[in-house]
Amino acid sequence: MTAFAYIGAALAEIAGCFAFWAWLRLDKSVWWIVPGMASLALFAWLLTLVDAEHAGRTYAAYGGVYIVSALLWLWAVEGAKPDRWDLIGAAVCLGGATIILFGPRGG
């Protein structure tokens, strides 16, 4: 469930932010922000579905998933293929996110 919540949250956040980008940087209609706001609300709700004791740890681990998702968006939507440095950086971040979320905790 955690992976699906993170992936859904990442897609919702990127889509929501892209709606604002489209309005402000690509000269799209101001109406682009309506689905953008809905998408950002969905993003926030999806993160609450992650089974973690602390919100901050949930958000920190989400960062790695977001980075990978943003690079996939870059490729699929914007047509720019990630280079090897993008992929190496994303792998490092995803590894860090895994440690943050699933690392053993004392106490």
N, C-alpha and C. Protein backbone atom coordinates (compact mmCIF):
# COMPACT_ATOMS: atom_id res chain seq x y z
N MET A 1 0.83 -1.20 0.00
CA MET A 1 0.00 0.00 0.00
C MET A 1 0.87 1.27 0.00
N THR A 2 1.99 1.22 0.73
CA THR A 2 2.87 2.38 0.82
C THR A 2 3.38 2.80 -0.55
N ALA A 3 3.82 1.85 -1.35
CA ALA A 3 4.34 2.18 -2.68
C ALA A 3 3.27 2.83 -3.54
N PHE A 4 2.05 2.30 -3.50
CA PHE A 4 0.97 2.87 -4.30
C PHE A 4 0.61 4.28 -3.83
N ALA A 5 0.60 4.49 -2.52
CA ALA A 5 0.31 5.82 -1.98
C ALA A 5 1.38 6.82 -2.41
N TYR A 6 2.66 6.41 -2.34
CA TYR A 6 3.74 7.30 -2.73
C TYR A 6 3.71 7.59 -4.23
N ILE A 7 3.50 6.58 -5.04
CA ILE A 7 3.48 6.79 -6.48
C ILE A 7 2.29 7.68 -6.88
N GLY A 8 1.13 7.40 -6.31
CA GLY A 8 -0.04 8.23 -6.58
C GLY A 8 0.17 9.66 -6.11
N ALA A 9 0.76 9.83 -4.93
CA ALA A 9 1.03 11.17 -4.41
C ALA A 9 2.00 11.92 -5.32
N ALA A 10 3.01 11.23 -5.78
CA ALA A 10 4.00 11.88 -6.65
C ALA A 10 3.35 12.34 -7.96
N LEU A 11 2.57 11.47 -8.56
CA LEU A 11 1.90 11.85 -9.81
C LEU A 11 0.94 13.02 -9.59
N ALA A 12 0.20 12.98 -8.48
CA ALA A 12 -0.74 14.06 -8.18
C ALA A 12 -0.01 15.37 -7.92
N GLU A 13 1.10 15.31 -7.19
CA GLU A 13 1.83 16.55 -6.91
C GLU A 13 2.45 17.13 -8.18
N ILE A 14 3.07 16.27 -8.97
CA ILE A 14 3.69 16.76 -10.20
C ILE A 14 2.64 17.34 -11.15
N ALA A 15 1.52 16.65 -11.29
CA ALA A 15 0.45 17.16 -12.16
C ALA A 15 -0.09 18.49 -11.65
N GLY A 16 -0.27 18.58 -10.34
CA GLY A 16 -0.77 19.83 -9.76
C GLY A 16 0.19 20.99 -9.96
N CYS A 17 1.46 20.73 -9.73
CA CYS A 17 2.46 21.77 -9.92
C CYS A 17 2.61 22.13 -11.40
N PHE A 18 2.51 21.12 -12.26
CA PHE A 18 2.61 21.38 -13.69
C PHE A 18 1.45 22.26 -14.17
N ALA A 19 0.28 22.11 -13.57
CA ALA A 19 -0.85 22.96 -13.94
C ALA A 19 -0.51 24.43 -13.69
N PHE A 20 0.14 24.73 -12.56
CA PHE A 20 0.55 26.10 -12.29
C PHE A 20 1.65 26.54 -13.26
N TRP A 21 2.57 25.63 -13.55
CA TRP A 21 3.64 25.92 -14.52
C TRP A 21 3.04 26.27 -15.88
N ALA A 22 2.06 25.46 -16.29
CA ALA A 22 1.42 25.68 -17.59
C ALA A 22 0.75 27.05 -17.63
N TRP A 23 0.07 27.42 -16.56
CA TRP A 23 -0.62 28.70 -16.50
C TRP A 23 0.38 29.86 -16.52
N LEU A 24 1.40 29.78 -15.67
CA LEU A 24 2.30 30.91 -15.50
C LEU A 24 3.45 30.96 -16.50
N ARG A 25 3.90 29.80 -16.99
CA ARG A 25 5.07 29.79 -17.86
C ARG A 25 4.77 29.42 -19.30
N LEU A 26 3.65 28.74 -19.52
CA LEU A 26 3.30 28.32 -20.88
C LEU A 26 2.10 29.07 -21.44
N ASP A 27 1.67 30.11 -20.71
CA ASP A 27 0.56 30.97 -21.13
C ASP A 27 -0.74 30.21 -21.36
N LYS A 28 -0.99 29.19 -20.55
CA LYS A 28 -2.27 28.48 -20.61
C LYS A 28 -3.30 29.27 -19.81
N SER A 29 -4.55 28.89 -19.95
CA SER A 29 -5.66 29.56 -19.26
C SER A 29 -5.50 29.46 -17.74
N VAL A 30 -5.98 30.46 -17.05
CA VAL A 30 -5.98 30.45 -15.59
C VAL A 30 -6.78 29.26 -15.05
N TRP A 31 -7.68 28.73 -15.86
CA TRP A 31 -8.49 27.58 -15.44
C TRP A 31 -7.68 26.32 -15.23
N TRP A 32 -6.45 26.30 -15.69
CA TRP A 32 -5.57 25.16 -15.43
C TRP A 32 -5.34 24.96 -13.93
N ILE A 33 -5.46 26.03 -13.13
CA ILE A 33 -5.20 25.87 -11.70
C ILE A 33 -6.32 25.14 -10.97
N VAL A 34 -7.51 25.06 -11.53
CA VAL A 34 -8.61 24.34 -10.87
C VAL A 34 -8.28 22.85 -10.73
N PRO A 35 -7.98 22.14 -11.82
CA PRO A 35 -7.58 20.74 -11.62
C PRO A 35 -6.23 20.64 -10.90
N GLY A 36 -5.41 21.67 -11.04
CA GLY A 36 -4.13 21.67 -10.33
C GLY A 36 -4.33 21.66 -8.82
N MET A 37 -5.25 22.47 -8.33
CA MET A 37 -5.54 22.50 -6.89
C MET A 37 -6.14 21.18 -6.42
N ALA A 38 -7.03 20.61 -7.23
CA ALA A 38 -7.61 19.30 -6.87
C ALA A 38 -6.52 18.24 -6.81
N SER A 39 -5.62 18.29 -7.74
CA SER A 39 -4.52 17.32 -7.78
C SER A 39 -3.62 17.48 -6.56
N LEU A 40 -3.34 18.70 -6.16
CA LEU A 40 -2.51 18.93 -4.98
C LEU A 40 -3.21 18.47 -3.70
N ALA A 41 -4.53 18.63 -3.64
CA ALA A 41 -5.28 18.12 -2.49
C ALA A 41 -5.23 16.59 -2.45
N LEU A 42 -5.34 15.96 -3.61
CA LEU A 42 -5.23 14.50 -3.69
C LEU A 42 -3.84 14.05 -3.22
N PHE A 43 -2.81 14.76 -3.63
CA PHE A 43 -1.44 14.47 -3.19
C PHE A 43 -1.35 14.46 -1.67
N ALA A 44 -1.85 15.50 -1.03
CA ALA A 44 -1.78 15.58 0.43
C ALA A 44 -2.54 14.44 1.10
N TRP A 45 -3.71 14.13 0.59
CA TRP A 45 -4.51 13.04 1.16
C TRP A 45 -3.80 11.70 1.01
N LEU A 46 -3.22 11.44 -0.16
CA LEU A 46 -2.55 10.17 -0.39
C LEU A 46 -1.39 9.95 0.58
N LEU A 47 -0.68 11.00 0.94
CA LEU A 47 0.42 10.83 1.89
C LEU A 47 -0.07 10.42 3.27
N THR A 48 -1.31 10.74 3.60
CA THR A 48 -1.84 10.32 4.91
C THR A 48 -2.11 8.82 4.95
N LEU A 49 -2.11 8.16 3.81
CA LEU A 49 -2.36 6.72 3.77
C LEU A 49 -1.12 5.88 4.07
N VAL A 50 0.04 6.52 4.09
CA VAL A 50 1.29 5.80 4.37
C VAL A 50 1.32 5.42 5.84
N ASP A 51 1.61 4.15 6.09
CA ASP A 51 1.64 3.64 7.46
C ASP A 51 3.00 3.91 8.09
N ALA A 52 3.13 5.07 8.70
CA ALA A 52 4.35 5.46 9.39
C ALA A 52 3.97 6.17 10.68
N GLU A 53 4.85 6.06 11.66
CA GLU A 53 4.56 6.64 12.96
C GLU A 53 4.61 8.17 12.97
N HIS A 54 5.47 8.74 12.13
CA HIS A 54 5.68 10.19 12.13
C HIS A 54 5.52 10.76 10.72
N ALA A 55 4.82 11.88 10.63
CA ALA A 55 4.59 12.52 9.33
C ALA A 55 5.90 12.95 8.68
N GLY A 56 6.82 13.50 9.45
CA GLY A 56 8.08 13.97 8.88
C GLY A 56 8.87 12.86 8.21
N ARG A 57 8.86 11.67 8.80
CA ARG A 57 9.56 10.54 8.19
C ARG A 57 8.86 10.12 6.90
N THR A 58 7.54 10.17 6.90
CA THR A 58 6.77 9.86 5.69
C THR A 58 7.14 10.83 4.58
N TYR A 59 7.21 12.12 4.89
CA TYR A 59 7.52 13.13 3.88
C TYR A 59 8.96 13.01 3.39
N ALA A 60 9.88 12.71 4.30
CA ALA A 60 11.28 12.56 3.92
C ALA A 60 11.46 11.39 2.96
N ALA A 61 10.84 10.26 3.28
CA ALA A 61 10.95 9.09 2.41
C ALA A 61 10.27 9.34 1.07
N TYR A 62 9.19 10.09 1.09
CA TYR A 62 8.48 10.42 -0.14
C TYR A 62 9.37 11.17 -1.13
N GLY A 63 10.31 11.93 -0.62
CA GLY A 63 11.18 12.71 -1.48
C GLY A 63 11.89 11.88 -2.55
N GLY A 64 12.34 10.70 -2.19
CA GLY A 64 13.01 9.83 -3.15
C GLY A 64 12.07 9.38 -4.25
N VAL A 65 10.85 9.03 -3.87
CA VAL A 65 9.85 8.60 -4.86
C VAL A 65 9.49 9.78 -5.77
N TYR A 66 9.39 10.96 -5.20
CA TYR A 66 9.07 12.15 -5.98
C TYR A 66 10.14 12.41 -7.04
N ILE A 67 11.40 12.27 -6.67
CA ILE A 67 12.49 12.53 -7.61
C ILE A 67 12.42 11.56 -8.79
N VAL A 68 12.22 10.29 -8.52
CA VAL A 68 12.11 9.30 -9.59
C VAL A 68 10.90 9.63 -10.47
N SER A 69 9.78 9.96 -9.85
CA SER A 69 8.57 10.28 -10.60
C SER A 69 8.74 11.54 -11.44
N ALA A 70 9.44 12.53 -10.91
CA ALA A 70 9.68 13.76 -11.67
C ALA A 70 10.52 13.48 -12.91
N LEU A 71 11.49 12.59 -12.79
CA LEU A 71 12.30 12.24 -13.96
C LEU A 71 11.49 11.46 -14.98
N LEU A 72 10.58 10.61 -14.52
CA LEU A 72 9.68 9.91 -15.45
C LEU A 72 8.76 10.91 -16.15
N TRP A 73 8.27 11.90 -15.42
CA TRP A 73 7.45 12.97 -16.01
C TRP A 73 8.26 13.73 -17.06
N LEU A 74 9.49 14.06 -16.70
CA LEU A 74 10.38 14.75 -17.63
C LEU A 74 10.45 14.01 -18.96
N TRP A 75 10.57 12.70 -18.89
CA TRP A 75 10.71 11.87 -20.08
C TRP A 75 9.38 11.69 -20.80
N ALA A 76 8.33 11.29 -20.06
CA ALA A 76 7.05 10.94 -20.68
C ALA A 76 6.26 12.16 -21.16
N VAL A 77 6.26 13.22 -20.38
CA VAL A 77 5.41 14.37 -20.69
C VAL A 77 6.18 15.47 -21.43
N GLU A 78 7.41 15.72 -20.98
CA GLU A 78 8.17 16.81 -21.56
C GLU A 78 9.11 16.37 -22.68
N GLY A 79 9.24 15.07 -22.86
CA GLY A 79 10.02 14.55 -23.97
C GLY A 79 11.53 14.68 -23.83
N ALA A 80 12.02 14.94 -22.62
CA ALA A 80 13.47 15.05 -22.39
C ALA A 80 13.93 13.79 -21.66
N LYS A 81 14.78 13.02 -22.31
CA LYS A 81 15.25 11.77 -21.73
C LYS A 81 16.25 12.04 -20.60
N PRO A 82 16.01 11.46 -19.41
CA PRO A 82 16.98 11.63 -18.32
C PRO A 82 18.34 11.06 -18.72
N ASP A 83 19.41 11.74 -18.29
CA ASP A 83 20.75 11.23 -18.59
C ASP A 83 21.25 10.35 -17.44
N ARG A 84 22.45 9.86 -17.57
CA ARG A 84 22.97 8.92 -16.57
C ARG A 84 23.09 9.56 -15.20
N TRP A 85 23.37 10.87 -15.15
CA TRP A 85 23.48 11.55 -13.86
C TRP A 85 22.12 11.67 -13.19
N ASP A 86 21.09 11.89 -13.98
CA ASP A 86 19.73 11.89 -13.43
C ASP A 86 19.43 10.54 -12.82
N LEU A 87 19.75 9.47 -13.55
CA LEU A 87 19.44 8.11 -13.10
C LEU A 87 20.26 7.72 -11.86
N ILE A 88 21.52 8.08 -11.84
CA ILE A 88 22.35 7.79 -10.67
C ILE A 88 21.83 8.54 -9.45
N GLY A 89 21.55 9.81 -9.63
CA GLY A 89 21.01 10.61 -8.53
C GLY A 89 19.69 10.08 -8.02
N ALA A 90 18.82 9.68 -8.93
CA ALA A 90 17.53 9.13 -8.53
C ALA A 90 17.70 7.83 -7.76
N ALA A 91 18.64 6.99 -8.18
CA ALA A 91 18.88 5.72 -7.48
C ALA A 91 19.38 5.97 -6.06
N VAL A 92 20.28 6.94 -5.90
CA VAL A 92 20.79 7.29 -4.58
C VAL A 92 19.64 7.79 -3.69
N CYS A 93 18.80 8.66 -4.24
CA CYS A 93 17.68 9.21 -3.47
C CYS A 93 16.67 8.14 -3.09
N LEU A 94 16.37 7.25 -4.02
CA LEU A 94 15.42 6.17 -3.73
C LEU A 94 15.99 5.23 -2.67
N GLY A 95 17.28 4.96 -2.74
CA GLY A 95 17.92 4.15 -1.70
C GLY A 95 17.83 4.82 -0.34
N GLY A 96 18.08 6.11 -0.30
CA GLY A 96 17.95 6.86 0.95
C GLY A 96 16.53 6.86 1.49
N ALA A 97 15.57 7.00 0.61
CA ALA A 97 14.17 6.97 1.02
C ALA A 97 13.80 5.62 1.63
N THR A 98 14.31 4.55 1.05
CA THR A 98 14.05 3.21 1.57
C THR A 98 14.63 3.06 2.97
N ILE A 99 15.84 3.54 3.16
CA ILE A 99 16.46 3.48 4.49
C ILE A 99 15.66 4.27 5.50
N ILE A 100 15.25 5.46 5.12
CA ILE A 100 14.47 6.32 6.04
C ILE A 100 13.17 5.64 6.46
N LEU A 101 12.45 5.08 5.50
CA LEU A 101 11.14 4.52 5.81
C LEU A 101 11.21 3.16 6.49
N PHE A 102 12.12 2.31 6.04
CA PHE A 102 12.11 0.94 6.51
C PHE A 102 13.29 0.56 7.43
N GLY A 103 14.17 1.50 7.72
CA GLY A 103 15.30 1.20 8.59
C GLY A 103 14.86 0.81 9.99
N PRO A 104 15.62 -0.07 10.64
CA PRO A 104 15.25 -0.50 12.00
C PRO A 104 15.33 0.67 12.97
N ARG A 105 14.39 0.74 13.85
CA ARG A 105 14.33 1.81 14.84
C ARG A 105 14.53 1.19 16.22
N GLY A 106 15.33 1.84 17.01
CA GLY A 106 15.52 1.39 18.40
C GLY A 106 14.44 1.94 19.30
N GLY A 107 14.26 1.29 20.41
CA GLY A 107 13.36 1.82 21.43
C GLY A 107 12.01 1.34 21.31
